[in-house]
N, C-alpha and C. Protein backbone atom coordinates (compact mmCIF):
# COMPACT_ATOMS: atom_id res chain seq x y z
N UNK A 1 -44.59 -17.61 17.65
CA UNK A 1 -43.35 -19.36 17.37
C UNK A 1 -42.28 -18.81 17.12
N UNK A 2 -41.29 -20.26 17.83
CA UNK A 2 -40.32 -20.27 17.76
C UNK A 2 -39.16 -19.88 16.61
N UNK A 3 -38.69 -18.19 16.82
CA UNK A 3 -38.30 -19.02 15.42
C UNK A 3 -36.83 -19.56 14.16
N UNK A 4 -36.14 -20.41 15.09
CA UNK A 4 -35.04 -21.64 14.85
C UNK A 4 -36.49 -22.40 14.83
N UNK A 5 -37.39 -22.90 15.14
CA UNK A 5 -37.82 -23.76 15.04
C UNK A 5 -37.94 -24.60 13.25
N UNK A 6 -37.86 -25.31 12.40
CA UNK A 6 -38.45 -25.44 11.66
C UNK A 6 -39.33 -25.77 10.94
N UNK A 7 -39.77 -24.50 9.96
CA UNK A 7 -41.22 -24.46 9.19
C UNK A 7 -41.03 -24.96 7.52
N UNK A 8 -41.17 -25.56 7.41
CA UNK A 8 -41.45 -25.32 5.54
C UNK A 8 -42.01 -24.66 5.78
N UNK A 9 -43.62 -24.51 6.06
CA UNK A 9 -44.62 -23.35 4.96
C UNK A 9 -44.11 -22.04 5.73
N UNK A 10 -42.80 -21.53 6.50
CA UNK A 10 -42.59 -20.05 6.60
C UNK A 10 -42.04 -20.46 6.17
N UNK A 11 -41.14 -21.11 5.73
CA UNK A 11 -39.93 -20.46 4.90
C UNK A 11 -40.36 -20.85 3.40
N UNK A 12 -41.22 -21.36 3.29
CA UNK A 12 -41.77 -21.14 1.34
C UNK A 12 -42.62 -19.88 1.54
N UNK A 13 -42.70 -18.95 2.43
CA UNK A 13 -43.48 -17.37 2.34
C UNK A 13 -42.19 -16.88 2.84
N UNK A 14 -40.57 -16.94 2.41
CA UNK A 14 -40.35 -16.26 2.32
C UNK A 14 -39.48 -15.95 1.26
N UNK A 15 -39.47 -14.34 1.36
CA UNK A 15 -38.87 -14.15 -0.52
C UNK A 15 -37.06 -14.16 -0.24
N UNK A 16 -36.77 -14.29 -0.65
CA UNK A 16 -34.99 -14.37 -1.56
C UNK A 16 -34.67 -14.15 0.21
N UNK A 17 -34.65 -12.54 -0.54
CA UNK A 17 -34.37 -11.47 0.00
C UNK A 17 -34.84 -11.67 2.08
N UNK A 18 -36.10 -12.17 2.00
CA UNK A 18 -35.67 -12.06 3.95
C UNK A 18 -35.17 -13.65 4.17
N UNK A 19 -35.09 -14.64 3.21
CA UNK A 19 -34.15 -16.03 3.36
C UNK A 19 -32.94 -15.40 3.57
N UNK A 20 -32.54 -14.82 2.40
CA UNK A 20 -30.97 -14.65 3.00
C UNK A 20 -30.75 -14.00 4.26
N UNK A 21 -30.94 -12.85 4.81
CA UNK A 21 -30.93 -11.86 5.73
C UNK A 21 -31.33 -13.17 7.24
N UNK A 22 -31.91 -14.52 6.92
CA UNK A 22 -32.34 -14.97 7.99
C UNK A 22 -31.32 -16.24 7.81
N UNK A 23 -30.66 -16.10 6.67
CA UNK A 23 -29.28 -16.95 6.52
C UNK A 23 -28.21 -16.25 7.08
N UNK A 24 -28.34 -14.98 7.09
CA UNK A 24 -27.00 -14.72 7.20
C UNK A 24 -26.71 -14.41 8.88
N UNK A 25 -28.39 -14.20 9.49
CA UNK A 25 -28.17 -13.99 10.82
C UNK A 25 -27.97 -15.51 11.18
N UNK A 26 -27.89 -16.48 11.10
CA UNK A 26 -28.13 -17.75 11.57
C UNK A 26 -26.59 -18.01 11.10
N UNK A 27 -26.02 -17.01 10.53
CA UNK A 27 -24.12 -17.44 10.30
C UNK A 27 -23.77 -16.74 11.51
N UNK A 28 -24.12 -15.76 11.60
CA UNK A 28 -23.50 -14.66 12.66
C UNK A 28 -23.66 -14.88 13.83
N UNK A 29 -24.47 -16.15 14.34
CA UNK A 29 -24.60 -17.22 15.70
C UNK A 29 -24.07 -17.74 15.59
N UNK A 30 -23.64 -18.74 14.70
CA UNK A 30 -22.43 -19.80 14.50
C UNK A 30 -21.27 -19.31 15.15
N UNK A 31 -20.92 -17.76 14.22
CA UNK A 31 -19.81 -17.16 14.38
C UNK A 31 -19.17 -16.82 15.71
N UNK A 32 -20.85 -16.29 16.03
CA UNK A 32 -20.44 -15.99 17.76
C UNK A 32 -20.36 -17.47 18.92
N UNK A 33 -20.28 -18.45 18.44
CA UNK A 33 -19.89 -19.42 19.11
C UNK A 33 -20.80 -19.78 20.43
N UNK A 34 -21.99 -19.15 20.96
CA UNK A 34 -22.70 -19.05 22.69
C UNK A 34 -23.87 -19.50 22.26
N UNK A 35 -24.27 -20.08 21.61
CA UNK A 35 -25.28 -21.16 21.01
C UNK A 35 -25.32 -22.35 22.08
N UNK A 36 -26.39 -23.16 22.38
CA UNK A 36 -26.45 -24.48 23.02
C UNK A 36 -26.41 -25.01 21.62
N UNK A 37 -25.69 -26.63 21.89
CA UNK A 37 -25.62 -27.74 21.13
C UNK A 37 -27.34 -27.89 20.30
N UNK A 38 -28.13 -27.89 21.36
CA UNK A 38 -29.29 -28.10 20.85
C UNK A 38 -29.95 -27.38 19.62
N UNK A 39 -29.38 -25.76 19.87
CA UNK A 39 -30.47 -24.31 19.42
C UNK A 39 -29.30 -24.43 17.84
N UNK A 40 -27.97 -24.61 18.37
CA UNK A 40 -27.78 -24.48 17.16
C UNK A 40 -27.51 -25.81 15.28
N UNK A 41 -27.66 -26.92 16.82
CA UNK A 41 -28.13 -27.93 15.49
C UNK A 41 -29.68 -27.69 14.90
N UNK A 42 -30.59 -27.08 15.57
CA UNK A 42 -32.08 -26.41 14.62
C UNK A 42 -31.40 -25.50 14.18
N UNK A 43 -30.53 -24.35 14.50
CA UNK A 43 -30.14 -23.24 13.25
C UNK A 43 -29.27 -23.77 12.37
N UNK A 44 -29.05 -25.25 12.13
CA UNK A 44 -27.98 -25.19 10.96
C UNK A 44 -29.45 -26.22 10.52
N UNK A 45 -29.78 -26.67 10.77
CA UNK A 45 -31.34 -27.58 9.78
C UNK A 45 -31.68 -26.53 9.38
N UNK A 46 -32.48 -25.45 10.04
CA UNK A 46 -32.70 -24.45 9.12
C UNK A 46 -32.44 -23.58 8.49
N UNK A 47 -31.52 -23.39 8.26
CA UNK A 47 -29.80 -22.88 7.06
C UNK A 47 -30.23 -23.85 5.92
N UNK A 48 -30.07 -25.07 6.44
CA UNK A 48 -29.93 -25.75 5.51
C UNK A 48 -31.23 -25.64 4.78
N UNK A 49 -32.58 -25.67 5.03
CA UNK A 49 -33.60 -25.50 4.80
C UNK A 49 -33.42 -24.03 3.84
N UNK A 50 -33.19 -23.45 4.45
CA UNK A 50 -33.17 -21.78 4.30
C UNK A 50 -32.08 -21.77 2.97
N UNK A 51 -31.19 -22.72 2.62
CA UNK A 51 -29.72 -22.56 1.53
C UNK A 51 -31.09 -22.84 0.01
N UNK A 52 -31.53 -24.03 0.56
CA UNK A 52 -32.65 -25.02 -0.51
C UNK A 52 -33.51 -23.99 -1.13
N UNK A 53 -33.72 -22.98 0.15
CA UNK A 53 -35.26 -22.40 -0.92
C UNK A 53 -34.58 -21.30 -1.77
N UNK A 54 -33.46 -20.46 -1.24
CA UNK A 54 -32.15 -19.42 -1.80
C UNK A 54 -31.73 -20.35 -3.25
N UNK A 55 -31.84 -21.26 -3.09
CA UNK A 55 -31.61 -21.91 -4.40
C UNK A 55 -32.27 -21.91 -5.47
N UNK A 56 -33.64 -22.03 -4.83
CA UNK A 56 -34.57 -22.39 -5.75
C UNK A 56 -35.27 -20.93 -6.38
N UNK A 57 -35.21 -19.98 -5.74
CA UNK A 57 -35.96 -18.86 -6.13
C UNK A 57 -34.55 -18.50 -7.15
N UNK A 58 -33.55 -18.70 -6.59
CA UNK A 58 -32.68 -18.19 -7.90
C UNK A 58 -32.49 -18.85 -9.38
N UNK A 59 -33.41 -20.15 -8.67
CA UNK A 59 -33.11 -21.52 -9.97
C UNK A 59 -35.18 -20.45 -10.55
N UNK A 60 -35.68 -20.39 -10.02
CA UNK A 60 -36.65 -20.11 -10.97
C UNK A 60 -36.37 -17.92 -11.16
N UNK A 61 -35.72 -17.07 -11.04
CA UNK A 61 -36.09 -16.39 -11.22
C UNK A 61 -34.74 -16.73 -12.77
N UNK A 62 -33.82 -16.78 -12.72
CA UNK A 62 -32.96 -17.29 -14.13
C UNK A 62 -34.07 -17.99 -15.43
N UNK A 63 -34.70 -18.65 -15.18
CA UNK A 63 -35.98 -19.15 -16.19
C UNK A 63 -36.49 -17.77 -16.46
N UNK A 64 -37.12 -17.37 -15.67
CA UNK A 64 -37.74 -16.01 -16.16
C UNK A 64 -36.95 -14.58 -16.89
N UNK A 65 -35.88 -14.97 -16.32
CA UNK A 65 -34.65 -13.88 -17.26
C UNK A 65 -35.14 -14.85 -18.54
N UNK A 66 -34.47 -15.86 -18.49
CA UNK A 66 -34.29 -16.94 -20.04
C UNK A 66 -35.37 -16.74 -20.80
N UNK A 67 -36.44 -17.08 -20.35
CA UNK A 67 -37.86 -16.99 -21.18
C UNK A 67 -38.08 -15.69 -21.62
N UNK A 68 -37.46 -14.53 -21.18
CA UNK A 68 -38.18 -13.32 -21.31
C UNK A 68 -36.88 -13.04 -22.63
N UNK A 69 -35.52 -13.36 -22.41
CA UNK A 69 -35.30 -12.81 -23.20
C UNK A 69 -35.09 -14.02 -24.66
N UNK A 70 -35.31 -15.70 -24.64
CA UNK A 70 -35.91 -15.60 -25.02
C UNK A 70 -37.96 -15.39 -26.48
N UNK A 71 -38.34 -14.45 -25.65
CA UNK A 71 -38.87 -13.66 -26.29
C UNK A 71 -38.28 -12.77 -27.05
N UNK A 72 -37.74 -11.88 -26.47
CA UNK A 72 -37.11 -10.71 -27.07
C UNK A 72 -36.32 -11.04 -28.39
N UNK A 73 -36.13 -12.65 -28.75
CA UNK A 73 -35.29 -12.71 -29.63
C UNK A 73 -35.62 -13.41 -30.48
N UNK A 74 -36.89 -13.90 -29.93
CA UNK A 74 -37.85 -14.09 -31.56
C UNK A 74 -39.37 -12.88 -31.70
N UNK A 75 -39.39 -12.00 -30.97
CA UNK A 75 -39.90 -10.75 -31.96
C UNK A 75 -38.99 -10.10 -32.71
N UNK A 76 -37.67 -10.55 -32.26
CA UNK A 76 -36.55 -9.45 -33.43
C UNK A 76 -36.27 -10.27 -34.32
N UNK A 77 -36.77 -11.75 -34.36
CA UNK A 77 -36.31 -12.61 -35.80
C UNK A 77 -37.59 -12.63 -36.69
N UNK A 78 -38.67 -12.19 -35.75
CA UNK A 78 -40.24 -11.30 -36.61
C UNK A 78 -40.19 -10.01 -37.73
N UNK A 79 -39.43 -9.41 -36.98
CA UNK A 79 -38.94 -7.86 -37.64
C UNK A 79 -38.18 -8.22 -38.71
N UNK A 80 -37.67 -9.26 -38.89
CA UNK A 80 -35.88 -9.38 -39.41
C UNK A 80 -37.38 -9.87 -41.21
């Protein structure tokens, strides 16, 4: 599979770290300026999807942390 081809299922299966690493590689590719226009557009589109994926993973992680904090607070209140 072409790494630059946009595939939502491929992106959805990435961990936060994998998506961030690929996003960093795309950023580096842009900085070199050696890409064709078509490839640059594909990279940009994939980068947008990777950014959204990373943001969603961060939201999910925050929800889990908030849930743990709430559960700990509830347990502390029950002990009092």
